[in-house]
Amino acid sequence: MNTVPPFRKIYQGVADRRQMFRLFDRHAQRPHRWQNDDSALFAGEWFEIGRSEHDYMLDILPPLWMRGEMFALGEFLTGSITSVFYTLRIDGKMRYFHAYCDLSKARSPVELRDAIVGRESRPVTAMTHEERLEHIWSATHDEYRGYAGERFLPEHRGRRAVLVYGRGRTELKLLDDLTDEEIAAKLPVHLRHLPTKAAA
């Protein structure tokens, strides 16, 4: 069974408003949506946004709370999971982030903030294998991604899958089973040749 890392960068680069709203529910096609406890899908996911997107979200609804460099939305996504927005100074530059935090865990927003700062303070730009897969899932249009259905082995059903093109045919392939070549083909050119960083 796949274990979900506690904190996951799900998109490389700065998401604009359209991308931000897509990333808020990048699991929208999941089987049995809202019938199960979907908290684990979202808790710990984070990505960078621009200042205008951050300020827009601050103005759109009254925050549940504001603490220094962060604020939480009062509308919960599922269970105790809600959006937390950060304004962080990293390497002398102000940057803005969205994350899903589990507010049933008191230190969740602080721990996620520390994980973001740690990840974004790396001296060399790099991506882990998991970050590459998460970016592919986040950036792929809904028509070209989905979940493994009846054509897959029972133990694979419900897992994330993306369309792969090759040698005159197109197939739906499990995201976790993509080869290095398939991953490179699905990444934007500017991300294909970044070094692979081992997960800390």
C-alpha atoms as a PDB file:
ATOM      1  CA  MET A   1       0.000   0.000   0.000  1.00  0.00           C
ATOM      2  CA  ASN A   2       1.280   3.483  -0.849  1.00  0.00           C
ATOM      3  CA  THR A   3       2.050   5.699   2.123  1.00  0.00           C
ATOM      4  CA  VAL A   4       1.247   9.396   1.764  1.00  0.00           C
ATOM      5  CA  PRO A   5       4.070  11.766   2.795  1.00  0.00           C
ATOM      6  CA  PRO A   6       2.937  14.162   5.542  1.00  0.00           C
ATOM      7  CA  PHE A   7       3.772  17.263   3.463  1.00  0.00           C
ATOM      8  CA  ARG A   8       3.663  17.305  -0.346  1.00  0.00           C
ATOM      9  CA  LYS A   9       4.562  20.007  -2.824  1.00  0.00           C
ATOM     10  CA  ILE A  10       2.029  19.384  -5.581  1.00  0.00           C
ATOM     11  CA  TYR A  11       2.902  21.987  -8.216  1.00  0.00           C
ATOM     12  CA  GLN A  12       6.175  23.486  -9.417  1.00  0.00           C
ATOM     13  CA  GLY A  13       6.202  27.213 -10.075  1.00  0.00           C
ATOM     14  CA  VAL A  14       3.751  29.901  -9.002  1.00  0.00           C
ATOM     15  CA  ALA A  15       0.094  29.049  -9.643  1.00  0.00           C
ATOM     16  CA  ASP A  16      -2.038  31.805 -11.172  1.00  0.00           C
ATOM     17  CA  ARG A  17      -5.678  32.216 -10.124  1.00  0.00           C
ATOM     18  CA  ARG A  18      -7.059  29.683 -12.601  1.00  0.00           C
ATOM     19  CA  GLN A  19      -4.438  27.108 -11.613  1.00  0.00           C
ATOM     20  CA  MET A  20      -4.985  27.842  -7.929  1.00  0.00           C
ATOM     21  CA  PHE A  21      -8.686  27.024  -8.136  1.00  0.00           C
ATOM     22  CA  ARG A  22      -7.941  23.822 -10.085  1.00  0.00           C
ATOM     23  CA  LEU A  23      -5.409  22.776  -7.459  1.00  0.00           C
ATOM     24  CA  PHE A  24      -7.850  23.369  -4.608  1.00  0.00           C
ATOM     25  CA  ASP A  25      -9.618  20.160  -5.636  1.00  0.00           C
ATOM     26  CA  ARG A  26      -7.263  18.248  -7.887  1.00  0.00           C
ATOM     27  CA  HIS A  27      -8.887  15.043  -6.641  1.00  0.00           C
ATOM     28  CA  ALA A  28     -12.351  16.007  -7.938  1.00  0.00           C
ATOM     29  CA  GLN A  29     -12.663  12.862 -10.086  1.00  0.00           C
ATOM     30  CA  ARG A  30     -11.898  10.441  -7.289  1.00  0.00           C
ATOM     31  CA  PRO A  31     -14.219   7.452  -6.921  1.00  0.00           C
ATOM     32  CA  HIS A  32     -16.926   7.737  -4.257  1.00  0.00           C
ATOM     33  CA  ARG A  33     -16.219  11.440  -3.763  1.00  0.00           C
ATOM     34  CA  TRP A  34     -17.307  12.645  -0.302  1.00  0.00           C
ATOM     35  CA  GLN A  35     -18.552   9.157   0.671  1.00  0.00           C
ATOM     36  CA  ASN A  36     -15.319   8.319   2.468  1.00  0.00           C
ATOM     37  CA  ASP A  37     -13.032  10.262   4.779  1.00  0.00           C
ATOM     38  CA  ASP A  38     -10.944  12.067   2.152  1.00  0.00           C
ATOM     39  CA  SER A  39      -8.813  13.947   4.677  1.00  0.00           C
ATOM     40  CA  ALA A  40      -5.618  12.027   3.873  1.00  0.00           C
ATOM     41  CA  LEU A  41      -5.866  13.021   0.197  1.00  0.00           C
ATOM     42  CA  PHE A  42      -5.608  16.703   1.046  1.00  0.00           C
ATOM     43  CA  ALA A  43      -3.841  17.135   4.397  1.00  0.00           C
ATOM     44  CA  GLY A  44      -0.282  18.337   3.846  1.00  0.00           C
ATOM     45  CA  GLU A  45      -0.635  19.352   0.172  1.00  0.00           C
ATOM     46  CA  TRP A  46       0.866  22.743  -0.647  1.00  0.00           C
ATOM     47  CA  PHE A  47       1.837  24.956  -3.571  1.00  0.00           C
ATOM     48  CA  GLU A  48       3.039  28.480  -4.272  1.00  0.00           C
ATOM     49  CA  ILE A  49       0.728  31.284  -5.373  1.00  0.00           C
ATOM     50  CA  GLY A  50       1.194  34.965  -6.232  1.00  0.00           C
ATOM     51  CA  ARG A  51       0.554  37.877  -3.917  1.00  0.00           C
ATOM     52  CA  SER A  52      -2.633  38.872  -5.768  1.00  0.00           C
ATOM     53  CA  GLU A  53      -4.058  35.345  -5.324  1.00  0.00           C
ATOM     54  CA  HIS A  54      -3.139  35.402  -1.615  1.00  0.00           C
ATOM     55  CA  ASP A  55      -4.768  38.804  -1.097  1.00  0.00           C
ATOM     56  CA  TYR A  56      -7.846  37.760  -3.095  1.00  0.00           C
ATOM     57  CA  MET A  57      -8.403  34.800  -0.786  1.00  0.00           C
ATOM     58  CA  LEU A  58      -7.921  37.000   2.276  1.00  0.00           C
ATOM     59  CA  ASP A  59     -10.585  39.407   1.003  1.00  0.00           C
ATOM     60  CA  ILE A  60     -13.109  36.856  -0.273  1.00  0.00           C
ATOM     61  CA  LEU A  61     -14.190  35.456   3.125  1.00  0.00           C
ATOM     62  CA  PRO A  62     -13.510  36.376   6.740  1.00  0.00           C
ATOM     63  CA  PRO A  63     -10.642  34.171   7.943  1.00  0.00           C
ATOM     64  CA  LEU A  64     -11.190  31.630  10.696  1.00  0.00           C
ATOM     65  CA  TRP A  65      -8.027  33.003  12.321  1.00  0.00           C
ATOM     66  CA  MET A  66      -4.918  35.041  11.531  1.00  0.00           C
ATOM     67  CA  ARG A  67      -1.568  34.345  13.178  1.00  0.00           C
ATOM     68  CA  GLY A  68       1.482  36.298  12.108  1.00  0.00           C
ATOM     69  CA  GLU A  69       2.351  35.148   8.608  1.00  0.00           C
ATOM     70  CA  MET A  70      -0.661  32.851   8.126  1.00  0.00           C
ATOM     71  CA  PHE A  71      -4.450  32.795   8.031  1.00  0.00           C
ATOM     72  CA  ALA A  72      -6.979  29.963   7.785  1.00  0.00           C
ATOM     73  CA  LEU A  73     -10.258  29.872   5.894  1.00  0.00           C
ATOM     74  CA  GLY A  74     -13.431  29.332   7.913  1.00  0.00           C
ATOM     75  CA  GLU A  75     -14.900  26.990   5.307  1.00  0.00           C
ATOM     76  CA  PHE A  76     -13.598  23.458   5.774  1.00  0.00           C
ATOM     77  CA  LEU A  77     -12.930  21.259   2.765  1.00  0.00           C
ATOM     78  CA  THR A  78     -13.577  17.974   4.533  1.00  0.00           C
ATOM     79  CA  GLY A  79     -13.582  17.042   8.205  1.00  0.00           C
ATOM     80  CA  SER A  80     -11.024  19.221   9.969  1.00  0.00           C
ATOM     81  CA  ILE A  81      -9.089  20.067   6.753  1.00  0.00           C
ATOM     82  CA  THR A  82      -9.057  23.693   5.659  1.00  0.00           C
ATOM     83  CA  SER A  83      -6.961  26.072   3.587  1.00  0.00           C
ATOM     84  CA  VAL A  84      -4.138  27.943   5.279  1.00  0.00           C
ATOM     85  CA  PHE A  85      -2.390  30.753   3.394  1.00  0.00           C
ATOM     86  CA  TYR A  86       1.153  31.829   4.193  1.00  0.00           C
ATOM     87  CA  THR A  87       3.255  34.933   3.579  1.00  0.00           C
ATOM     88  CA  LEU A  88       6.854  33.811   4.087  1.00  0.00           C
ATOM     89  CA  ARG A  89      10.211  35.503   3.707  1.00  0.00           C
ATOM     90  CA  ILE A  90      12.512  32.957   2.100  1.00  0.00           C
ATOM     91  CA  ASP A  91      16.066  33.931   1.145  1.00  0.00           C
ATOM     92  CA  GLY A  92      15.153  37.611   1.531  1.00  0.00           C
ATOM     93  CA  LYS A  93      12.094  37.459  -0.753  1.00  0.00           C
ATOM     94  CA  MET A  94       8.412  37.530   0.209  1.00  0.00           C
ATOM     95  CA  ARG A  95       6.566  34.506  -1.174  1.00  0.00           C
ATOM     96  CA  TYR A  96       3.015  33.215  -0.827  1.00  0.00           C
ATOM     97  CA  PHE A  97       1.678  29.698  -0.387  1.00  0.00           C
ATOM     98  CA  HIS A  98      -1.523  27.705   0.026  1.00  0.00           C
ATOM     99  CA  ALA A  99      -1.663  24.517   2.073  1.00  0.00           C
ATOM    100  CA  TYR A 100      -4.280  22.144   3.401  1.00  0.00           C
ATOM    101  CA  CYS A 101      -3.883  21.696   7.135  1.00  0.00           C
ATOM    102  CA  ASP A 102      -5.610  19.341   9.535  1.00  0.00           C
ATOM    103  CA  LEU A 103      -6.714  21.683  12.302  1.00  0.00           C
ATOM    104  CA  SER A 104      -7.486  18.747  14.599  1.00  0.00           C
ATOM    105  CA  LYS A 105      -3.686  18.694  15.024  1.00  0.00           C
ATOM    106  CA  ALA A 106      -2.754  21.883  16.847  1.00  0.00           C
ATOM    107  CA  ARG A 107       0.725  22.268  15.319  1.00  0.00           C
ATOM    108  CA  SER A 108      -0.256  21.335  11.769  1.00  0.00           C
ATOM    109  CA  PRO A 109      -0.075  24.914  10.340  1.00  0.00           C
ATOM    110  CA  VAL A 110       3.305  25.561  11.992  1.00  0.00           C
ATOM    111  CA  GLU A 111       4.764  22.219  10.944  1.00  0.00           C
ATOM    112  CA  LEU A 112       3.601  22.754   7.376  1.00  0.00           C
ATOM    113  CA  ARG A 113       5.061  26.261   7.354  1.00  0.00           C
ATOM    114  CA  ASP A 114       8.406  24.842   8.502  1.00  0.00           C
ATOM    115  CA  ALA A 115       8.243  22.146   5.799  1.00  0.00           C
ATOM    116  CA  ILE A 116       7.606  24.776   3.104  1.00  0.00           C
ATOM    117  CA  VAL A 117      10.497  26.945   4.282  1.00  0.00           C
ATOM    118  CA  GLY A 118      12.780  23.913   4.461  1.00  0.00           C
ATOM    119  CA  ARG A 119      11.832  22.753   0.960  1.00  0.00           C
ATOM    120  CA  GLU A 120      12.059  26.195  -0.630  1.00  0.00           C
ATOM    121  CA  SER A 121      15.365  27.087   1.068  1.00  0.00           C
ATOM    122  CA  ARG A 122      17.307  24.397  -0.760  1.00  0.00           C
ATOM    123  CA  PRO A 123      20.358  25.945  -2.426  1.00  0.00           C
ATOM    124  CA  VAL A 124      19.951  23.949  -5.638  1.00  0.00           C
ATOM    125  CA  THR A 125      16.705  23.724  -7.581  1.00  0.00           C
ATOM    126  CA  ALA A 126      15.703  20.076  -7.658  1.00  0.00           C
ATOM    127  CA  MET A 127      12.633  17.867  -7.634  1.00  0.00           C
ATOM    128  CA  THR A 128      12.044  14.570  -5.908  1.00  0.00           C
ATOM    129  CA  HIS A 129      10.524  11.699  -7.870  1.00  0.00           C
ATOM    130  CA  GLU A 130       7.306  12.172  -5.885  1.00  0.00           C
ATOM    131  CA  GLU A 131       7.220  15.901  -6.719  1.00  0.00           C
ATOM    132  CA  ARG A 132       7.532  15.075 -10.406  1.00  0.00           C
ATOM    133  CA  LEU A 133       4.548  12.736 -10.210  1.00  0.00           C
ATOM    134  CA  GLU A 134       2.501  15.237  -8.186  1.00  0.00           C
ATOM    135  CA  HIS A 135       3.232  17.988 -10.706  1.00  0.00           C
ATOM    136  CA  ILE A 136       2.163  15.746 -13.569  1.00  0.00           C
ATOM    137  CA  TRP A 137      -1.089  14.916 -11.783  1.00  0.00           C
ATOM    138  CA  SER A 138      -1.730  18.583 -10.934  1.00  0.00           C
ATOM    139  CA  ALA A 139      -0.936  19.902 -14.406  1.00  0.00           C
ATOM    140  CA  THR A 140      -2.759  17.244 -16.443  1.00  0.00           C
ATOM    141  CA  HIS A 141      -6.222  18.217 -17.658  1.00  0.00           C
ATOM    142  CA  ASP A 142      -9.108  16.175 -16.252  1.00  0.00           C
ATOM    143  CA  GLU A 143      -9.780  14.632 -19.685  1.00  0.00           C
ATOM    144  CA  TYR A 144      -6.311  13.043 -19.681  1.00  0.00           C
ATOM    145  CA  ARG A 145      -6.212  11.676 -16.152  1.00  0.00           C
ATOM    146  CA  GLY A 146      -8.492   9.545 -14.006  1.00  0.00           C
ATOM    147  CA  TYR A 147      -8.625   6.580 -11.721  1.00  0.00           C
ATOM    148  CA  ALA A 148      -8.005   2.945 -12.518  1.00  0.00           C
ATOM    149  CA  GLY A 149     -11.278   1.136 -13.203  1.00  0.00           C
ATOM    150  CA  GLU A 150     -12.423  -2.341 -14.134  1.00  0.00           C
ATOM    151  CA  ARG A 151      -9.816  -2.798 -16.869  1.00  0.00           C
ATOM    152  CA  PHE A 152      -7.151  -2.863 -14.133  1.00  0.00           C
ATOM    153  CA  LEU A 153      -6.348  -5.585 -11.619  1.00  0.00           C
ATOM    154  CA  PRO A 154      -8.565  -5.358  -8.519  1.00  0.00           C
ATOM    155  CA  GLU A 155      -5.644  -4.245  -6.318  1.00  0.00           C
ATOM    156  CA  HIS A 156      -4.971  -1.292  -8.664  1.00  0.00           C
ATOM    157  CA  ARG A 157      -8.527  -0.018  -8.974  1.00  0.00           C
ATOM    158  CA  GLY A 158      -9.044   3.474  -7.621  1.00  0.00           C
ATOM    159  CA  ARG A 159      -5.391   4.468  -8.040  1.00  0.00           C
ATOM    160  CA  ARG A 160      -4.456   7.542 -10.072  1.00  0.00           C
ATOM    161  CA  ALA A 161      -3.779   7.027 -13.773  1.00  0.00           C
ATOM    162  CA  VAL A 162      -2.826   9.247 -16.720  1.00  0.00           C
ATOM    163  CA  LEU A 163      -2.961   8.853 -20.483  1.00  0.00           C
ATOM    164  CA  VAL A 164       0.378   7.882 -22.013  1.00  0.00           C
ATOM    165  CA  TYR A 165       1.161   8.116 -25.727  1.00  0.00           C
ATOM    166  CA  GLY A 166       3.586   5.786 -27.409  1.00  0.00           C
ATOM    167  CA  ARG A 167       4.205   3.811 -30.598  1.00  0.00           C
ATOM    168  CA  GLY A 168       0.886   4.483 -32.234  1.00  0.00           C
ATOM    169  CA  ARG A 169      -1.286   3.827 -29.198  1.00  0.00           C
ATOM    170  CA  THR A 170      -2.643   5.604 -26.173  1.00  0.00           C
ATOM    171  CA  GLU A 171      -3.166   3.900 -22.839  1.00  0.00           C
ATOM    172  CA  LEU A 172      -4.243   4.780 -19.332  1.00  0.00           C
ATOM    173  CA  LYS A 173      -1.307   3.964 -17.074  1.00  0.00           C
ATOM    174  CA  LEU A 174      -0.948   4.113 -13.307  1.00  0.00           C
ATOM    175  CA  LEU A 175       0.776   7.338 -12.305  1.00  0.00           C
ATOM    176  CA  ASP A 176       3.146   5.490  -9.968  1.00  0.00           C
ATOM    177  CA  ASP A 177       4.199   3.152 -12.805  1.00  0.00           C
ATOM    178  CA  LEU A 178       5.401   5.847 -15.232  1.00  0.00           C
ATOM    179  CA  THR A 179       8.935   5.285 -16.500  1.00  0.00           C
ATOM    180  CA  ASP A 180      11.573   8.016 -16.305  1.00  0.00           C
ATOM    181  CA  GLU A 181      11.091   8.636 -20.034  1.00  0.00           C
ATOM    182  CA  GLU A 182       7.313   8.959 -19.649  1.00  0.00           C
ATOM    183  CA  ILE A 183       7.750  11.313 -16.697  1.00  0.00           C
ATOM    184  CA  ALA A 184      10.155  13.491 -18.687  1.00  0.00           C
ATOM    185  CA  ALA A 185       7.746  13.600 -21.631  1.00  0.00           C
ATOM    186  CA  LYS A 186       4.919  14.815 -19.387  1.00  0.00           C
ATOM    187  CA  LEU A 187       6.919  17.523 -17.598  1.00  0.00           C
ATOM    188  CA  PRO A 188       7.322  21.018 -19.057  1.00  0.00           C
ATOM    189  CA  VAL A 189      10.663  21.477 -20.796  1.00  0.00           C
ATOM    190  CA  HIS A 190      12.068  23.711 -18.038  1.00  0.00           C
ATOM    191  CA  LEU A 191      11.456  20.979 -15.426  1.00  0.00           C
ATOM    192  CA  ARG A 192      12.649  17.927 -17.349  1.00  0.00           C
ATOM    193  CA  HIS A 193      16.334  18.258 -16.610  1.00  0.00           C
ATOM    194  CA  LEU A 194      16.249  19.361 -12.975  1.00  0.00           C
ATOM    195  CA  PRO A 195      18.309  17.057 -10.795  1.00  0.00           C
ATOM    196  CA  THR A 196      16.429  14.509  -8.719  1.00  0.00           C
ATOM    197  CA  LYS A 197      16.539  15.319  -5.047  1.00  0.00           C
ATOM    198  CA  ALA A 198      16.169  12.455  -2.599  1.00  0.00           C
ATOM    199  CA  ALA A 199      13.321  13.009  -0.174  1.00  0.00           C
ATOM    200  CA  ALA A 200      14.554  14.150   3.222  1.00  0.00           C
END
